[in-house]
């Protein structure tokens, strides 16, 4: 089975998309995150025993309430790209004292990359 050549232009566009999310986390602004996500995007993960799930607006609202994460350290540890789809693994440390691992599923639509779904793990 032949592997598709990684398109460096798409990789850079994906990184820029994820950077909107990171910048919004640092500033504490859901509005700054919003351009990274498709309008119909969803989020899933656990905060303790509680499932945090639903439309991506829940993330924007949580981010606005949580405030700025000025000491956030973010690292894209993996990008898997196939055609018009991609998956990104993002490691986040010190998001207002918390450590997360995020998985994003992205789709290239109308010439730009959008996060369609975020699944996260909150480390204890």
C-alpha atoms as a PDB file:
ATOM      1  CA  UNK A   1       0.000   0.000   0.000  1.00  0.00           C
ATOM      2  CA  UNK A   2       1.493   3.308  -1.066  1.00  0.00           C
ATOM      3  CA  UNK A   3       1.735   6.103   1.498  1.00  0.00           C
ATOM      4  CA  UNK A   4       0.534   9.504   0.440  1.00  0.00           C
ATOM      5  CA  UNK A   5       3.278  12.127   0.417  1.00  0.00           C
ATOM      6  CA  UNK A   6       2.891  14.633   3.235  1.00  0.00           C
ATOM      7  CA  UNK A   7       1.971  17.976   1.702  1.00  0.00           C
ATOM      8  CA  UNK A   8       4.077  20.580   3.496  1.00  0.00           C
ATOM      9  CA  UNK A   9       1.626  23.364   2.588  1.00  0.00           C
ATOM     10  CA  UNK A  10      -1.237  21.440   4.205  1.00  0.00           C
ATOM     11  CA  UNK A  11       0.905  20.672   7.266  1.00  0.00           C
ATOM     12  CA  UNK A  12       1.610  24.397   7.712  1.00  0.00           C
ATOM     13  CA  UNK A  13      -2.091  25.237   7.268  1.00  0.00           C
ATOM     14  CA  UNK A  14      -3.004  22.617   9.901  1.00  0.00           C
ATOM     15  CA  UNK A  15      -0.441  24.061  12.326  1.00  0.00           C
ATOM     16  CA  UNK A  16      -1.909  27.542  11.788  1.00  0.00           C
ATOM     17  CA  UNK A  17      -5.413  26.200  12.467  1.00  0.00           C
ATOM     18  CA  UNK A  18      -4.291  24.601  15.734  1.00  0.00           C
ATOM     19  CA  UNK A  19      -2.434  27.813  16.651  1.00  0.00           C
ATOM     20  CA  UNK A  20      -5.799  29.669  16.763  1.00  0.00           C
ATOM     21  CA  UNK A  21      -6.848  27.206  19.457  1.00  0.00           C
ATOM     22  CA  UNK A  22      -3.573  27.607  21.388  1.00  0.00           C
ATOM     23  CA  UNK A  23      -3.722  31.411  21.152  1.00  0.00           C
ATOM     24  CA  UNK A  24      -7.294  31.378  22.464  1.00  0.00           C
ATOM     25  CA  UNK A  25      -6.230  29.223  25.407  1.00  0.00           C
ATOM     26  CA  UNK A  26      -3.380  31.592  26.250  1.00  0.00           C
ATOM     27  CA  UNK A  27      -5.611  34.683  26.011  1.00  0.00           C
ATOM     28  CA  UNK A  28      -8.632  33.041  27.668  1.00  0.00           C
ATOM     29  CA  UNK A  29     -10.777  34.024  24.673  1.00  0.00           C
ATOM     30  CA  UNK A  30     -13.208  31.543  23.142  1.00  0.00           C
ATOM     31  CA  UNK A  31     -13.689  33.964  20.244  1.00  0.00           C
ATOM     32  CA  UNK A  32      -9.970  33.721  19.447  1.00  0.00           C
ATOM     33  CA  UNK A  33     -10.261  29.902  19.342  1.00  0.00           C
ATOM     34  CA  UNK A  34     -13.367  29.838  17.174  1.00  0.00           C
ATOM     35  CA  UNK A  35     -11.697  30.207  13.721  1.00  0.00           C
ATOM     36  CA  UNK A  36      -9.961  26.838  14.259  1.00  0.00           C
ATOM     37  CA  UNK A  37     -13.253  24.971  14.464  1.00  0.00           C
ATOM     38  CA  UNK A  38     -16.027  24.052  12.048  1.00  0.00           C
ATOM     39  CA  UNK A  39     -19.396  25.518  13.076  1.00  0.00           C
ATOM     40  CA  UNK A  40     -20.721  21.980  13.717  1.00  0.00           C
ATOM     41  CA  UNK A  41     -17.649  20.793  15.684  1.00  0.00           C
ATOM     42  CA  UNK A  42     -18.016  18.753  18.867  1.00  0.00           C
ATOM     43  CA  UNK A  43     -16.015  18.100  22.033  1.00  0.00           C
ATOM     44  CA  UNK A  44     -15.742  15.026  24.262  1.00  0.00           C
ATOM     45  CA  UNK A  45     -13.710  14.200  27.359  1.00  0.00           C
ATOM     46  CA  UNK A  46     -13.880  13.705  31.098  1.00  0.00           C
ATOM     47  CA  UNK A  47     -13.431  16.296  33.818  1.00  0.00           C
ATOM     48  CA  UNK A  48     -13.053  13.942  36.764  1.00  0.00           C
ATOM     49  CA  UNK A  49     -16.056  11.600  36.660  1.00  0.00           C
ATOM     50  CA  UNK A  50     -18.119  13.987  34.531  1.00  0.00           C
ATOM     51  CA  UNK A  51     -18.393  13.695  30.757  1.00  0.00           C
ATOM     52  CA  UNK A  52     -17.841  17.056  29.078  1.00  0.00           C
ATOM     53  CA  UNK A  53     -19.589  16.597  25.745  1.00  0.00           C
ATOM     54  CA  UNK A  54     -21.519  18.441  23.105  1.00  0.00           C
ATOM     55  CA  UNK A  55     -21.240  21.329  20.669  1.00  0.00           C
ATOM     56  CA  UNK A  56     -17.865  23.092  20.564  1.00  0.00           C
ATOM     57  CA  UNK A  57     -19.478  26.235  22.015  1.00  0.00           C
ATOM     58  CA  UNK A  58     -19.137  24.468  25.388  1.00  0.00           C
ATOM     59  CA  UNK A  59     -15.343  24.741  25.007  1.00  0.00           C
ATOM     60  CA  UNK A  60     -15.511  28.433  24.111  1.00  0.00           C
ATOM     61  CA  UNK A  61     -17.739  29.138  27.125  1.00  0.00           C
ATOM     62  CA  UNK A  62     -15.464  27.112  29.457  1.00  0.00           C
ATOM     63  CA  UNK A  63     -12.402  28.915  28.104  1.00  0.00           C
ATOM     64  CA  UNK A  64     -13.997  32.337  28.663  1.00  0.00           C
ATOM     65  CA  UNK A  65     -14.868  31.374  32.264  1.00  0.00           C
ATOM     66  CA  UNK A  66     -11.489  29.711  32.943  1.00  0.00           C
ATOM     67  CA  UNK A  67      -9.481  32.770  31.953  1.00  0.00           C
ATOM     68  CA  UNK A  68      -6.082  33.260  30.390  1.00  0.00           C
ATOM     69  CA  UNK A  69      -3.498  30.465  30.504  1.00  0.00           C
ATOM     70  CA  UNK A  70      -0.504  32.757  30.107  1.00  0.00           C
ATOM     71  CA  UNK A  71       2.033  30.065  31.102  1.00  0.00           C
ATOM     72  CA  UNK A  72       0.615  27.417  28.752  1.00  0.00           C
ATOM     73  CA  UNK A  73       3.117  25.135  27.059  1.00  0.00           C
ATOM     74  CA  UNK A  74       1.730  23.555  23.880  1.00  0.00           C
ATOM     75  CA  UNK A  75       3.366  20.970  21.660  1.00  0.00           C
ATOM     76  CA  UNK A  76       1.961  19.386  18.509  1.00  0.00           C
ATOM     77  CA  UNK A  77       3.414  15.906  18.932  1.00  0.00           C
ATOM     78  CA  UNK A  78       1.820  14.295  15.866  1.00  0.00           C
ATOM     79  CA  UNK A  79       0.105  15.203  12.613  1.00  0.00           C
ATOM     80  CA  UNK A  80      -1.321  12.381  10.519  1.00  0.00           C
ATOM     81  CA  UNK A  81      -2.483  13.645   7.119  1.00  0.00           C
ATOM     82  CA  UNK A  82      -4.327  11.669   4.438  1.00  0.00           C
ATOM     83  CA  UNK A  83      -5.847  13.660   1.580  1.00  0.00           C
ATOM     84  CA  UNK A  84      -8.511  15.965   2.979  1.00  0.00           C
ATOM     85  CA  UNK A  85      -8.411  14.508   6.504  1.00  0.00           C
ATOM     86  CA  UNK A  86      -5.958  14.897   9.344  1.00  0.00           C
ATOM     87  CA  UNK A  87      -5.533  14.008  12.990  1.00  0.00           C
ATOM     88  CA  UNK A  88      -3.453  16.110  15.370  1.00  0.00           C
ATOM     89  CA  UNK A  89      -2.209  15.160  18.831  1.00  0.00           C
ATOM     90  CA  UNK A  90      -1.580  18.205  20.998  1.00  0.00           C
ATOM     91  CA  UNK A  91       0.049  18.074  24.424  1.00  0.00           C
ATOM     92  CA  UNK A  92      -0.782  20.982  26.731  1.00  0.00           C
ATOM     93  CA  UNK A  93       0.892  21.647  30.048  1.00  0.00           C
ATOM     94  CA  UNK A  94       0.017  24.278  32.650  1.00  0.00           C
ATOM     95  CA  UNK A  95      -3.388  25.279  31.268  1.00  0.00           C
ATOM     96  CA  UNK A  96      -4.169  27.191  34.476  1.00  0.00           C
ATOM     97  CA  UNK A  97      -2.527  24.360  36.391  1.00  0.00           C
ATOM     98  CA  UNK A  98      -3.895  21.474  34.312  1.00  0.00           C
ATOM     99  CA  UNK A  99      -2.304  19.091  31.825  1.00  0.00           C
ATOM    100  CA  UNK A 100      -4.296  17.930  28.793  1.00  0.00           C
ATOM    101  CA  UNK A 101      -3.780  15.719  25.776  1.00  0.00           C
ATOM    102  CA  UNK A 102      -6.030  16.718  22.883  1.00  0.00           C
ATOM    103  CA  UNK A 103      -6.829  14.811  19.720  1.00  0.00           C
ATOM    104  CA  UNK A 104      -8.276  16.825  16.865  1.00  0.00           C
ATOM    105  CA  UNK A 105      -9.907  15.429  13.738  1.00  0.00           C
ATOM    106  CA  UNK A 106      -9.638  17.944  10.914  1.00  0.00           C
ATOM    107  CA  UNK A 107     -11.212  18.186   7.479  1.00  0.00           C
ATOM    108  CA  UNK A 108     -10.074  20.334   4.585  1.00  0.00           C
ATOM    109  CA  UNK A 109     -13.198  22.102   3.433  1.00  0.00           C
ATOM    110  CA  UNK A 110     -13.453  25.025   1.006  1.00  0.00           C
ATOM    111  CA  UNK A 111      -9.646  25.183   0.849  1.00  0.00           C
ATOM    112  CA  UNK A 112      -9.064  25.538   4.601  1.00  0.00           C
ATOM    113  CA  UNK A 113      -8.547  23.140   7.496  1.00  0.00           C
ATOM    114  CA  UNK A 114     -11.132  23.061  10.282  1.00  0.00           C
ATOM    115  CA  UNK A 115     -11.269  21.032  13.475  1.00  0.00           C
ATOM    116  CA  UNK A 116     -14.400  18.877  13.290  1.00  0.00           C
ATOM    117  CA  UNK A 117     -14.001  17.136  16.639  1.00  0.00           C
ATOM    118  CA  UNK A 118     -11.933  17.460  19.806  1.00  0.00           C
ATOM    119  CA  UNK A 119     -11.442  14.526  22.170  1.00  0.00           C
ATOM    120  CA  UNK A 120      -9.367  15.254  25.254  1.00  0.00           C
ATOM    121  CA  UNK A 121      -7.805  13.655  28.308  1.00  0.00           C
ATOM    122  CA  UNK A 122      -7.298  15.635  31.513  1.00  0.00           C
ATOM    123  CA  UNK A 123      -4.278  14.207  33.341  1.00  0.00           C
ATOM    124  CA  UNK A 124      -4.606  13.831  37.104  1.00  0.00           C
END
